[in-house]
């Protein structure tokens, strides 16, 4: 086959499917079917069309394809932050499942703001996406109504619910908070502080697990909680540990709601000459990168964020195909990871 002409014939400069078809010596509909991988097209024609497309640098127009098939390929994924490695892991897993199936994940960042999430949903749903992945259940009533009225299949990430007709993949944040607190009690700690930042719904669910465990043991003291609305960071963790030691004398364990806070707490303890875990035990949550390299290594709760991204994307694929999953709520659990800091 002679090398196809590479100069586009349209004023827009965009190589079109018609250009590919002409170069391959087939009709546009045959070229389209060949590129979609339909079995009705002879293998030699498929190869000819693919060669022409590659030589011309043809890139399919997703909008035109969706219009022709009356099927969107876009899946908005709404997460609170991209600066948190937890959600980066989730997004990576979602992409790895959806992309080979022909779907495009569109990332929306809500910054933990229900109003901002509502605006994102209004924008994305106007384009009638194929499906939707959202984080948790904390959103405005208007956002809930938009999702319900859209008819777009939706799966919720990171949290659990028993509500009928609501699809979700996650784990019990409250049970995870309870488990870490129980571990600290089992190590002989009796004045366990809970230190949190950001104060998003999942953080507060962990706090409720902490409270439930201490109430069961008859040891709950609300004065041992230190809750900051500031964004979670290593710097803030160091500052909050110092505040705990200054304002809550006798604390023998600190349960940080996130690993970056706990890492900052461990660094502050080193600067202050505070023995960990001898004088105070320190624990975190999420098992973020570097936690196992701290001195001492950080005890934490390992959360299955990649597995959550993969399972939620697979559940959504089924819903987009019209399949009803056997279970609307999938609990992937968590792992208490005990290291030297406790």
C-alpha atoms as a PDB file:
ATOM      1  CA  UNK A   1       0.000   0.000   0.000  1.00  0.00           C
ATOM      2  CA  UNK A   2       1.373   3.435  -0.898  1.00  0.00           C
ATOM      3  CA  UNK A   3       1.959   5.895   1.887  1.00  0.00           C
ATOM      4  CA  UNK A   4      -1.273   7.870   2.433  1.00  0.00           C
ATOM      5  CA  UNK A   5      -1.420  11.571   1.956  1.00  0.00           C
ATOM      6  CA  UNK A   6      -0.868  13.275   5.323  1.00  0.00           C
ATOM      7  CA  UNK A   7      -2.211  16.683   4.431  1.00  0.00           C
ATOM      8  CA  UNK A   8      -5.738  17.123   5.826  1.00  0.00           C
ATOM      9  CA  UNK A   9      -8.455  18.155   3.426  1.00  0.00           C
ATOM     10  CA  UNK A  10     -10.466  20.203   5.906  1.00  0.00           C
ATOM     11  CA  UNK A  11     -10.003  23.825   6.779  1.00  0.00           C
ATOM     12  CA  UNK A  12      -9.922  22.878  10.477  1.00  0.00           C
ATOM     13  CA  UNK A  13      -6.677  20.957   9.921  1.00  0.00           C
ATOM     14  CA  UNK A  14      -8.121  17.927  11.723  1.00  0.00           C
ATOM     15  CA  UNK A  15      -7.652  14.478  10.206  1.00  0.00           C
ATOM     16  CA  UNK A  16     -11.124  12.953   9.910  1.00  0.00           C
ATOM     17  CA  UNK A  17     -12.487   9.427   9.653  1.00  0.00           C
ATOM     18  CA  UNK A  18     -13.213  10.151   5.984  1.00  0.00           C
ATOM     19  CA  UNK A  19      -9.514  10.884   5.431  1.00  0.00           C
ATOM     20  CA  UNK A  20      -8.622   7.534   7.004  1.00  0.00           C
ATOM     21  CA  UNK A  21     -11.240   5.694   4.932  1.00  0.00           C
ATOM     22  CA  UNK A  22     -10.003   7.279   1.707  1.00  0.00           C
ATOM     23  CA  UNK A  23      -6.368   6.430   2.492  1.00  0.00           C
ATOM     24  CA  UNK A  24      -7.321   2.824   3.281  1.00  0.00           C
ATOM     25  CA  UNK A  25      -9.571   2.516   0.213  1.00  0.00           C
ATOM     26  CA  UNK A  26     -12.712   1.663   2.197  1.00  0.00           C
ATOM     27  CA  UNK A  27     -15.979   3.380   3.044  1.00  0.00           C
ATOM     28  CA  UNK A  28     -16.210   5.590   6.177  1.00  0.00           C
ATOM     29  CA  UNK A  29     -18.620   3.130   7.813  1.00  0.00           C
ATOM     30  CA  UNK A  30     -16.177   0.253   7.233  1.00  0.00           C
ATOM     31  CA  UNK A  31     -13.350   2.348   8.654  1.00  0.00           C
ATOM     32  CA  UNK A  32     -15.451   3.144  11.708  1.00  0.00           C
ATOM     33  CA  UNK A  33     -16.326  -0.505  12.275  1.00  0.00           C
ATOM     34  CA  UNK A  34     -12.702  -1.548  11.805  1.00  0.00           C
ATOM     35  CA  UNK A  35     -11.465   0.937  14.408  1.00  0.00           C
ATOM     36  CA  UNK A  36     -14.167  -0.194  16.854  1.00  0.00           C
ATOM     37  CA  UNK A  37     -12.971  -3.783  16.470  1.00  0.00           C
ATOM     38  CA  UNK A  38     -16.221  -5.211  15.106  1.00  0.00           C
ATOM     39  CA  UNK A  39     -15.840  -8.839  14.019  1.00  0.00           C
ATOM     40  CA  UNK A  40     -17.831  -8.347  10.812  1.00  0.00           C
ATOM     41  CA  UNK A  41     -14.873  -6.564   9.205  1.00  0.00           C
ATOM     42  CA  UNK A  42     -12.278  -8.756   7.487  1.00  0.00           C
ATOM     43  CA  UNK A  43      -8.924  -8.847   9.324  1.00  0.00           C
ATOM     44  CA  UNK A  44      -7.001  -7.549   6.316  1.00  0.00           C
ATOM     45  CA  UNK A  45      -9.327  -4.518   6.088  1.00  0.00           C
ATOM     46  CA  UNK A  46      -8.956  -3.888   9.812  1.00  0.00           C
ATOM     47  CA  UNK A  47      -5.181  -3.852   9.476  1.00  0.00           C
ATOM     48  CA  UNK A  48      -5.332  -1.572   6.437  1.00  0.00           C
ATOM     49  CA  UNK A  49      -7.525   0.926   8.278  1.00  0.00           C
ATOM     50  CA  UNK A  50      -5.360   0.831  11.408  1.00  0.00           C
ATOM     51  CA  UNK A  51      -2.218   1.393   9.321  1.00  0.00           C
ATOM     52  CA  UNK A  52      -3.817   4.376   7.601  1.00  0.00           C
ATOM     53  CA  UNK A  53      -5.020   5.821  10.925  1.00  0.00           C
ATOM     54  CA  UNK A  54      -1.567   5.487  12.444  1.00  0.00           C
ATOM     55  CA  UNK A  55       0.224   7.043   9.458  1.00  0.00           C
ATOM     56  CA  UNK A  56      -2.208   9.951   9.325  1.00  0.00           C
ATOM     57  CA  UNK A  57      -2.086  10.508  13.091  1.00  0.00           C
ATOM     58  CA  UNK A  58      -5.870  10.121  13.347  1.00  0.00           C
ATOM     59  CA  UNK A  59      -7.403  10.695  16.780  1.00  0.00           C
ATOM     60  CA  UNK A  60     -11.104   9.758  17.140  1.00  0.00           C
ATOM     61  CA  UNK A  61     -13.472  12.538  18.192  1.00  0.00           C
ATOM     62  CA  UNK A  62     -15.121  11.271  21.411  1.00  0.00           C
ATOM     63  CA  UNK A  63     -17.981  13.758  21.090  1.00  0.00           C
ATOM     64  CA  UNK A  64     -18.769  12.610  17.556  1.00  0.00           C
ATOM     65  CA  UNK A  65     -18.488   8.978  18.590  1.00  0.00           C
ATOM     66  CA  UNK A  66     -20.843   9.488  21.533  1.00  0.00           C
ATOM     67  CA  UNK A  67     -23.323  11.338  19.293  1.00  0.00           C
ATOM     68  CA  UNK A  68     -23.228   8.594  16.694  1.00  0.00           C
ATOM     69  CA  UNK A  69     -23.668   5.821  19.228  1.00  0.00           C
ATOM     70  CA  UNK A  70     -25.975   7.826  21.539  1.00  0.00           C
ATOM     71  CA  UNK A  71     -23.676   6.668  24.330  1.00  0.00           C
ATOM     72  CA  UNK A  72     -21.384   8.794  26.472  1.00  0.00           C
ATOM     73  CA  UNK A  73     -17.933   7.536  27.428  1.00  0.00           C
ATOM     74  CA  UNK A  74     -17.327  10.042  30.208  1.00  0.00           C
ATOM     75  CA  UNK A  75     -17.334   9.116  33.913  1.00  0.00           C
ATOM     76  CA  UNK A  76     -16.858  12.023  36.349  1.00  0.00           C
ATOM     77  CA  UNK A  77     -14.995  11.027  39.527  1.00  0.00           C
ATOM     78  CA  UNK A  78     -15.425  13.535  42.363  1.00  0.00           C
ATOM     79  CA  UNK A  79     -12.775  13.470  45.101  1.00  0.00           C
ATOM     80  CA  UNK A  80     -12.033  15.969  47.897  1.00  0.00           C
ATOM     81  CA  UNK A  81      -8.329  16.606  47.200  1.00  0.00           C
ATOM     82  CA  UNK A  82      -5.497  15.639  44.874  1.00  0.00           C
ATOM     83  CA  UNK A  83      -2.859  16.565  47.464  1.00  0.00           C
ATOM     84  CA  UNK A  84      -3.907  13.514  49.509  1.00  0.00           C
ATOM     85  CA  UNK A  85      -2.176  10.341  48.276  1.00  0.00           C
ATOM     86  CA  UNK A  86      -5.228   8.348  49.339  1.00  0.00           C
ATOM     87  CA  UNK A  87      -7.360   9.804  46.539  1.00  0.00           C
ATOM     88  CA  UNK A  88      -4.534   9.644  43.996  1.00  0.00           C
ATOM     89  CA  UNK A  89      -4.430   5.879  44.589  1.00  0.00           C
ATOM     90  CA  UNK A  90      -8.202   5.657  44.167  1.00  0.00           C
ATOM     91  CA  UNK A  91      -8.129   7.616  40.897  1.00  0.00           C
ATOM     92  CA  UNK A  92      -5.294   5.531  39.491  1.00  0.00           C
ATOM     93  CA  UNK A  93      -7.241   2.314  40.144  1.00  0.00           C
ATOM     94  CA  UNK A  94     -10.436   3.751  38.639  1.00  0.00           C
ATOM     95  CA  UNK A  95      -8.567   4.763  35.472  1.00  0.00           C
ATOM     96  CA  UNK A  96      -6.938   1.336  35.128  1.00  0.00           C
ATOM     97  CA  UNK A  97     -10.384  -0.317  35.138  1.00  0.00           C
ATOM     98  CA  UNK A  98     -12.369   2.154  33.031  1.00  0.00           C
ATOM     99  CA  UNK A  99      -9.895   3.153  30.316  1.00  0.00           C
ATOM    100  CA  UNK A 100      -9.483  -0.315  28.706  1.00  0.00           C
ATOM    101  CA  UNK A 101     -13.298  -0.477  28.490  1.00  0.00           C
ATOM    102  CA  UNK A 102     -13.423   2.746  26.476  1.00  0.00           C
ATOM    103  CA  UNK A 103     -14.445   5.121  29.283  1.00  0.00           C
ATOM    104  CA  UNK A 104     -12.774   8.392  30.230  1.00  0.00           C
ATOM    105  CA  UNK A 105     -12.493   9.353  33.900  1.00  0.00           C
ATOM    106  CA  UNK A 106     -13.050  13.089  34.413  1.00  0.00           C
ATOM    107  CA  UNK A 107     -11.562  14.302  37.697  1.00  0.00           C
ATOM    108  CA  UNK A 108     -13.529  16.798  39.765  1.00  0.00           C
ATOM    109  CA  UNK A 109     -12.028  18.179  43.003  1.00  0.00           C
ATOM    110  CA  UNK A 110     -14.528  19.329  45.632  1.00  0.00           C
ATOM    111  CA  UNK A 111     -12.093  20.629  48.291  1.00  0.00           C
ATOM    112  CA  UNK A 112     -14.414  19.147  50.942  1.00  0.00           C
ATOM    113  CA  UNK A 113     -16.992  21.808  49.999  1.00  0.00           C
ATOM    114  CA  UNK A 114     -20.553  20.510  49.355  1.00  0.00           C
ATOM    115  CA  UNK A 115     -21.413  23.684  47.435  1.00  0.00           C
ATOM    116  CA  UNK A 116     -18.430  23.226  45.150  1.00  0.00           C
ATOM    117  CA  UNK A 117     -19.415  19.590  44.626  1.00  0.00           C
ATOM    118  CA  UNK A 118     -22.945  20.696  43.724  1.00  0.00           C
ATOM    119  CA  UNK A 119     -21.570  23.041  41.058  1.00  0.00           C
ATOM    120  CA  UNK A 120     -19.384  20.283  39.629  1.00  0.00           C
ATOM    121  CA  UNK A 121     -22.325  17.882  39.491  1.00  0.00           C
ATOM    122  CA  UNK A 122     -24.490  20.478  37.762  1.00  0.00           C
ATOM    123  CA  UNK A 123     -21.802  20.938  35.093  1.00  0.00           C
ATOM    124  CA  UNK A 124     -21.006  17.258  34.559  1.00  0.00           C
ATOM    125  CA  UNK A 125     -24.581  15.958  34.618  1.00  0.00           C
ATOM    126  CA  UNK A 126     -25.578  18.501  31.948  1.00  0.00           C
ATOM    127  CA  UNK A 127     -23.412  16.474  29.541  1.00  0.00           C
ATOM    128  CA  UNK A 128     -25.215  13.218  30.415  1.00  0.00           C
ATOM    129  CA  UNK A 129     -22.185  11.132  31.434  1.00  0.00           C
ATOM    130  CA  UNK A 130     -22.203   7.347  31.282  1.00  0.00           C
ATOM    131  CA  UNK A 131     -21.710   6.989  35.030  1.00  0.00           C
ATOM    132  CA  UNK A 132     -20.635   8.795  38.169  1.00  0.00           C
ATOM    133  CA  UNK A 133     -18.294   8.096  41.090  1.00  0.00           C
ATOM    134  CA  UNK A 134     -18.588  10.319  44.173  1.00  0.00           C
ATOM    135  CA  UNK A 135     -16.829  10.326  47.551  1.00  0.00           C
ATOM    136  CA  UNK A 136     -18.949   9.595  50.601  1.00  0.00           C
ATOM    137  CA  UNK A 137     -22.497  10.731  51.345  1.00  0.00           C
ATOM    138  CA  UNK A 138     -22.030  14.263  52.659  1.00  0.00           C
ATOM    139  CA  UNK A 139     -23.609  16.528  50.011  1.00  0.00           C
ATOM    140  CA  UNK A 140     -26.343  19.099  49.609  1.00  0.00           C
ATOM    141  CA  UNK A 141     -29.942  18.044  49.168  1.00  0.00           C
ATOM    142  CA  UNK A 142     -29.896  19.671  45.725  1.00  0.00           C
ATOM    143  CA  UNK A 143     -26.891  17.505  44.751  1.00  0.00           C
ATOM    144  CA  UNK A 144     -28.666  14.359  45.937  1.00  0.00           C
ATOM    145  CA  UNK A 145     -31.741  15.247  43.934  1.00  0.00           C
ATOM    146  CA  UNK A 146     -29.673  15.959  40.825  1.00  0.00           C
ATOM    147  CA  UNK A 147     -27.994  12.554  41.009  1.00  0.00           C
ATOM    148  CA  UNK A 148     -31.312  10.775  41.555  1.00  0.00           C
ATOM    149  CA  UNK A 149     -33.132  12.655  38.782  1.00  0.00           C
ATOM    150  CA  UNK A 150     -30.329  12.234  36.239  1.00  0.00           C
ATOM    151  CA  UNK A 151     -30.776   8.485  35.892  1.00  0.00           C
ATOM    152  CA  UNK A 152     -26.964   8.222  35.677  1.00  0.00           C
ATOM    153  CA  UNK A 153     -25.571   5.139  37.466  1.00  0.00           C
ATOM    154  CA  UNK A 154     -23.691   6.266  40.576  1.00  0.00           C
ATOM    155  CA  UNK A 155     -21.347   4.529  43.016  1.00  0.00           C
ATOM    156  CA  UNK A 156     -20.190   6.085  46.306  1.00  0.00           C
ATOM    157  CA  UNK A 157     -16.596   5.659  47.483  1.00  0.00           C
ATOM    158  CA  UNK A 158     -14.964   5.207  50.905  1.00  0.00           C
ATOM    159  CA  UNK A 159     -18.074   4.880  53.088  1.00  0.00           C
ATOM    160  CA  UNK A 160     -20.799   2.323  53.748  1.00  0.00           C
ATOM    161  CA  UNK A 161     -24.582   2.448  53.952  1.00  0.00           C
ATOM    162  CA  UNK A 162     -27.378  -0.098  54.165  1.00  0.00           C
ATOM    163  CA  UNK A 163     -29.831   2.167  52.309  1.00  0.00           C
ATOM    164  CA  UNK A 164     -31.632   0.344  49.516  1.00  0.00           C
ATOM    165  CA  UNK A 165     -30.758   1.346  45.980  1.00  0.00           C
ATOM    166  CA  UNK A 166     -27.564   3.181  46.988  1.00  0.00           C
ATOM    167  CA  UNK A 167     -24.378   1.627  45.627  1.00  0.00           C
ATOM    168  CA  UNK A 168     -21.143   1.979  47.567  1.00  0.00           C
ATOM    169  CA  UNK A 169     -17.683   0.480  48.072  1.00  0.00           C
ATOM    170  CA  UNK A 170     -15.636   1.240  51.161  1.00  0.00           C
ATOM    171  CA  UNK A 171     -15.206   0.249  54.781  1.00  0.00           C
ATOM    172  CA  UNK A 172     -16.480   1.302  58.193  1.00  0.00           C
ATOM    173  CA  UNK A 173     -14.523   4.385  59.210  1.00  0.00           C
ATOM    174  CA  UNK A 174     -16.100   4.164  62.660  1.00  0.00           C
ATOM    175  CA  UNK A 175     -15.057   0.547  63.179  1.00  0.00           C
ATOM    176  CA  UNK A 176     -11.522   1.440  62.079  1.00  0.00           C
ATOM    177  CA  UNK A 177     -11.373   4.241  64.663  1.00  0.00           C
ATOM    178  CA  UNK A 178     -12.672   1.850  67.302  1.00  0.00           C
ATOM    179  CA  UNK A 179     -10.071  -0.776  66.368  1.00  0.00           C
ATOM    180  CA  UNK A 180      -7.120   1.593  66.714  1.00  0.00           C
ATOM    181  CA  UNK A 181      -8.361   2.904  70.055  1.00  0.00           C
ATOM    182  CA  UNK A 182      -8.868  -0.653  71.317  1.00  0.00           C
ATOM    183  CA  UNK A 183      -5.288  -1.444  70.314  1.00  0.00           C
ATOM    184  CA  UNK A 184      -3.976   1.476  72.364  1.00  0.00           C
ATOM    185  CA  UNK A 185      -6.025   0.383  75.374  1.00  0.00           C
ATOM    186  CA  UNK A 186      -4.729  -3.166  74.977  1.00  0.00           C
ATOM    187  CA  UNK A 187      -1.201  -1.746  75.218  1.00  0.00           C
ATOM    188  CA  UNK A 188      -2.038  -0.350  78.641  1.00  0.00           C
ATOM    189  CA  UNK A 189      -2.775   3.250  77.627  1.00  0.00           C
ATOM    190  CA  UNK A 190      -5.474   4.975  79.633  1.00  0.00           C
ATOM    191  CA  UNK A 191      -5.376   8.637  78.614  1.00  0.00           C
ATOM    192  CA  UNK A 192      -5.752   8.429  74.853  1.00  0.00           C
ATOM    193  CA  UNK A 193      -6.033  11.731  72.979  1.00  0.00           C
ATOM    194  CA  UNK A 194      -7.704  12.000  69.560  1.00  0.00           C
ATOM    195  CA  UNK A 195      -6.145  14.658  67.330  1.00  0.00           C
ATOM    196  CA  UNK A 196      -7.789  15.557  64.026  1.00  0.00           C
ATOM    197  CA  UNK A 197      -7.690  18.148  61.250  1.00  0.00           C
ATOM    198  CA  UNK A 198      -9.824  18.940  58.190  1.00  0.00           C
ATOM    199  CA  UNK A 199     -12.818  17.479  60.101  1.00  0.00           C
ATOM    200  CA  UNK A 200     -14.462  15.968  57.038  1.00  0.00           C
ATOM    201  CA  UNK A 201     -17.227  13.381  57.573  1.00  0.00           C
ATOM    202  CA  UNK A 202     -14.883  10.377  57.444  1.00  0.00           C
ATOM    203  CA  UNK A 203     -12.572  11.933  60.051  1.00  0.00           C
ATOM    204  CA  UNK A 204     -15.554  12.502  62.329  1.00  0.00           C
ATOM    205  CA  UNK A 205     -16.672   8.901  61.855  1.00  0.00           C
ATOM    206  CA  UNK A 206     -13.233   7.783  63.070  1.00  0.00           C
ATOM    207  CA  UNK A 207     -13.688  10.122  66.020  1.00  0.00           C
ATOM    208  CA  UNK A 208     -17.009   8.465  66.833  1.00  0.00           C
ATOM    209  CA  UNK A 209     -15.305   5.050  66.796  1.00  0.00           C
ATOM    210  CA  UNK A 210     -12.703   6.410  69.226  1.00  0.00           C
ATOM    211  CA  UNK A 211     -15.447   7.721  71.516  1.00  0.00           C
ATOM    212  CA  UNK A 212     -17.438   4.500  71.377  1.00  0.00           C
ATOM    213  CA  UNK A 213     -14.421   2.405  72.344  1.00  0.00           C
ATOM    214  CA  UNK A 214     -13.482   4.630  75.302  1.00  0.00           C
ATOM    215  CA  UNK A 215     -17.087   4.807  76.508  1.00  0.00           C
ATOM    216  CA  UNK A 216     -17.241   1.002  76.489  1.00  0.00           C
ATOM    217  CA  UNK A 217     -14.098   0.993  78.653  1.00  0.00           C
ATOM    218  CA  UNK A 218     -15.418   3.749  80.939  1.00  0.00           C
ATOM    219  CA  UNK A 219     -12.492   6.002  79.979  1.00  0.00           C
ATOM    220  CA  UNK A 220     -13.976   8.590  77.642  1.00  0.00           C
ATOM    221  CA  UNK A 221     -12.974  12.190  78.409  1.00  0.00           C
ATOM    222  CA  UNK A 222     -14.031  14.806  75.811  1.00  0.00           C
ATOM    223  CA  UNK A 223     -11.225  17.079  77.010  1.00  0.00           C
ATOM    224  CA  UNK A 224      -8.742  14.694  75.385  1.00  0.00           C
ATOM    225  CA  UNK A 225      -9.998  15.557  71.902  1.00  0.00           C
ATOM    226  CA  UNK A 226      -8.187  18.205  69.869  1.00  0.00           C
ATOM    227  CA  UNK A 227     -10.033  19.041  66.635  1.00  0.00           C
ATOM    228  CA  UNK A 228      -8.648  21.573  64.164  1.00  0.00           C
ATOM    229  CA  UNK A 229     -10.469  22.729  60.995  1.00  0.00           C
ATOM    230  CA  UNK A 230      -7.133  23.429  59.278  1.00  0.00           C
ATOM    231  CA  UNK A 231      -5.992  21.240  56.350  1.00  0.00           C
ATOM    232  CA  UNK A 232      -4.085  18.169  57.474  1.00  0.00           C
ATOM    233  CA  UNK A 233      -0.282  18.398  57.153  1.00  0.00           C
ATOM    234  CA  UNK A 234       2.982  17.272  58.752  1.00  0.00           C
ATOM    235  CA  UNK A 235       3.569  20.805  60.039  1.00  0.00           C
ATOM    236  CA  UNK A 236       0.174  20.912  61.701  1.00  0.00           C
ATOM    237  CA  UNK A 237       0.714  17.472  63.249  1.00  0.00           C
ATOM    238  CA  UNK A 238       3.856  18.725  64.978  1.00  0.00           C
ATOM    239  CA  UNK A 239       2.039  21.792  66.287  1.00  0.00           C
ATOM    240  CA  UNK A 240      -0.921  19.771  67.548  1.00  0.00           C
ATOM    241  CA  UNK A 241       1.276  17.275  69.401  1.00  0.00           C
ATOM    242  CA  UNK A 242       2.975  20.138  71.208  1.00  0.00           C
ATOM    243  CA  UNK A 243      -0.443  21.596  72.065  1.00  0.00           C
ATOM    244  CA  UNK A 244      -1.632  18.238  73.429  1.00  0.00           C
ATOM    245  CA  UNK A 245       1.420  17.906  75.648  1.00  0.00           C
ATOM    246  CA  UNK A 246       1.040  21.512  76.858  1.00  0.00           C
ATOM    247  CA  UNK A 247      -2.711  21.528  77.535  1.00  0.00           C
ATOM    248  CA  UNK A 248      -3.553  17.907  78.349  1.00  0.00           C
ATOM    249  CA  UNK A 249      -1.031  16.671  80.935  1.00  0.00           C
ATOM    250  CA  UNK A 250      -0.801  12.951  81.520  1.00  0.00           C
ATOM    251  CA  UNK A 251      -1.733  11.885  77.978  1.00  0.00           C
ATOM    252  CA  UNK A 252      -0.034   8.545  77.298  1.00  0.00           C
ATOM    253  CA  UNK A 253      -1.214   7.938  73.709  1.00  0.00           C
ATOM    254  CA  UNK A 254      -2.187  10.109  70.736  1.00  0.00           C
ATOM    255  CA  UNK A 255      -4.393   8.786  67.936  1.00  0.00           C
ATOM    256  CA  UNK A 256      -4.008  11.091  64.923  1.00  0.00           C
ATOM    257  CA  UNK A 257      -6.794  10.977  62.341  1.00  0.00           C
ATOM    258  CA  UNK A 258      -4.338  10.858  59.441  1.00  0.00           C
ATOM    259  CA  UNK A 259      -0.751   9.718  58.866  1.00  0.00           C
ATOM    260  CA  UNK A 260       0.627  13.102  57.816  1.00  0.00           C
ATOM    261  CA  UNK A 261      -0.424  14.523  61.184  1.00  0.00           C
ATOM    262  CA  UNK A 262       1.074  11.505  62.963  1.00  0.00           C
ATOM    263  CA  UNK A 263       4.334  11.823  61.035  1.00  0.00           C
ATOM    264  CA  UNK A 264       4.558  15.438  62.137  1.00  0.00           C
ATOM    265  CA  UNK A 265       3.840  14.344  65.703  1.00  0.00           C
ATOM    266  CA  UNK A 266       6.690  11.813  65.601  1.00  0.00           C
ATOM    267  CA  UNK A 267       9.111  14.443  64.294  1.00  0.00           C
ATOM    268  CA  UNK A 268       8.049  16.860  67.033  1.00  0.00           C
ATOM    269  CA  UNK A 269       8.547  14.152  69.656  1.00  0.00           C
ATOM    270  CA  UNK A 270      12.121  13.676  68.438  1.00  0.00           C
ATOM    271  CA  UNK A 271      12.827  17.412  68.688  1.00  0.00           C
ATOM    272  CA  UNK A 272      11.373  17.511  72.198  1.00  0.00           C
ATOM    273  CA  UNK A 273      13.305  14.430  73.376  1.00  0.00           C
ATOM    274  CA  UNK A 274      10.015  12.624  74.059  1.00  0.00           C
ATOM    275  CA  UNK A 275      10.380   8.830  74.080  1.00  0.00           C
ATOM    276  CA  UNK A 276       7.958   7.062  71.699  1.00  0.00           C
ATOM    277  CA  UNK A 277       6.347   4.776  72.718  1.00  0.00           C
ATOM    278  CA  UNK A 278       7.967   4.866  76.170  1.00  0.00           C
ATOM    279  CA  UNK A 279       6.391   8.146  77.316  1.00  0.00           C
ATOM    280  CA  UNK A 280       3.636   8.448  74.738  1.00  0.00           C
ATOM    281  CA  UNK A 281       2.365   6.116  72.009  1.00  0.00           C
ATOM    282  CA  UNK A 282       1.559   7.669  68.601  1.00  0.00           C
ATOM    283  CA  UNK A 283      -0.779   6.185  65.991  1.00  0.00           C
ATOM    284  CA  UNK A 284      -2.059   7.352  62.623  1.00  0.00           C
ATOM    285  CA  UNK A 285      -4.516   6.387  59.908  1.00  0.00           C
ATOM    286  CA  UNK A 286      -4.332   5.413  56.184  1.00  0.00           C
ATOM    287  CA  UNK A 287      -0.740   4.038  56.080  1.00  0.00           C
ATOM    288  CA  UNK A 288       0.555   6.756  53.779  1.00  0.00           C
ATOM    289  CA  UNK A 289       3.965   6.660  52.090  1.00  0.00           C
ATOM    290  CA  UNK A 290       6.828   7.025  54.563  1.00  0.00           C
ATOM    291  CA  UNK A 291       4.943   5.890  57.650  1.00  0.00           C
ATOM    292  CA  UNK A 292       6.882   2.620  57.775  1.00  0.00           C
ATOM    293  CA  UNK A 293      10.162   4.598  57.540  1.00  0.00           C
ATOM    294  CA  UNK A 294       9.553   6.885  60.509  1.00  0.00           C
ATOM    295  CA  UNK A 295      11.599   6.552  63.713  1.00  0.00           C
ATOM    296  CA  UNK A 296      10.010   4.587  65.226  1.00  0.00           C
ATOM    297  CA  UNK A 297       7.844   3.184  62.386  1.00  0.00           C
ATOM    298  CA  UNK A 298       4.270   4.408  62.678  1.00  0.00           C
ATOM    299  CA  UNK A 299       1.393   2.228  63.821  1.00  0.00           C
ATOM    300  CA  UNK A 300      -1.558   2.988  61.578  1.00  0.00           C
ATOM    301  CA  UNK A 301      -4.704   1.690  59.867  1.00  0.00           C
ATOM    302  CA  UNK A 302      -4.023   0.473  56.340  1.00  0.00           C
ATOM    303  CA  UNK A 303      -6.954   1.392  54.116  1.00  0.00           C
ATOM    304  CA  UNK A 304      -7.693  -0.422  50.821  1.00  0.00           C
ATOM    305  CA  UNK A 305      -7.886   2.668  48.611  1.00  0.00           C
ATOM    306  CA  UNK A 306      -6.640   1.011  45.393  1.00  0.00           C
ATOM    307  CA  UNK A 307      -9.013  -1.899  45.943  1.00  0.00           C
ATOM    308  CA  UNK A 308     -11.852   0.563  46.572  1.00  0.00           C
ATOM    309  CA  UNK A 309     -11.098   2.371  43.307  1.00  0.00           C
ATOM    310  CA  UNK A 310     -10.988  -0.888  41.357  1.00  0.00           C
ATOM    311  CA  UNK A 311     -14.100  -2.428  42.921  1.00  0.00           C
ATOM    312  CA  UNK A 312     -16.165   0.742  42.584  1.00  0.00           C
ATOM    313  CA  UNK A 313     -15.203   1.111  38.919  1.00  0.00           C
ATOM    314  CA  UNK A 314     -16.144  -2.517  38.242  1.00  0.00           C
ATOM    315  CA  UNK A 315     -19.457  -2.066  40.039  1.00  0.00           C
ATOM    316  CA  UNK A 316     -20.122   1.028  37.943  1.00  0.00           C
ATOM    317  CA  UNK A 317     -19.258  -0.825  34.724  1.00  0.00           C
ATOM    318  CA  UNK A 318     -21.924  -3.370  35.588  1.00  0.00           C
ATOM    319  CA  UNK A 319     -24.505  -0.698  36.370  1.00  0.00           C
ATOM    320  CA  UNK A 320     -23.755   1.101  33.090  1.00  0.00           C
ATOM    321  CA  UNK A 321     -24.410  -2.189  31.269  1.00  0.00           C
ATOM    322  CA  UNK A 322     -27.715  -2.598  33.067  1.00  0.00           C
ATOM    323  CA  UNK A 323     -26.553  -5.289  35.476  1.00  0.00           C
ATOM    324  CA  UNK A 324     -27.711  -5.111  39.098  1.00  0.00           C
ATOM    325  CA  UNK A 325     -24.906  -6.126  41.493  1.00  0.00           C
ATOM    326  CA  UNK A 326     -25.567  -8.922  43.955  1.00  0.00           C
ATOM    327  CA  UNK A 327     -24.737  -6.575  46.845  1.00  0.00           C
ATOM    328  CA  UNK A 328     -25.294  -2.835  46.693  1.00  0.00           C
ATOM    329  CA  UNK A 329     -22.784  -2.246  49.509  1.00  0.00           C
ATOM    330  CA  UNK A 330     -19.288  -3.774  49.367  1.00  0.00           C
ATOM    331  CA  UNK A 331     -17.191  -3.665  52.544  1.00  0.00           C
ATOM    332  CA  UNK A 332     -13.470  -4.125  51.779  1.00  0.00           C
ATOM    333  CA  UNK A 333     -12.426  -3.775  55.408  1.00  0.00           C
ATOM    334  CA  UNK A 334      -9.219  -2.326  56.837  1.00  0.00           C
ATOM    335  CA  UNK A 335      -6.018  -3.601  58.453  1.00  0.00           C
ATOM    336  CA  UNK A 336      -4.615  -2.540  61.800  1.00  0.00           C
ATOM    337  CA  UNK A 337      -0.878  -2.256  61.093  1.00  0.00           C
ATOM    338  CA  UNK A 338       1.056  -2.330  64.350  1.00  0.00           C
ATOM    339  CA  UNK A 339       4.594  -0.928  64.314  1.00  0.00           C
ATOM    340  CA  UNK A 340       7.092   0.482  66.758  1.00  0.00           C
ATOM    341  CA  UNK A 341       5.329   3.746  67.650  1.00  0.00           C
ATOM    342  CA  UNK A 342       2.843   1.986  69.920  1.00  0.00           C
END
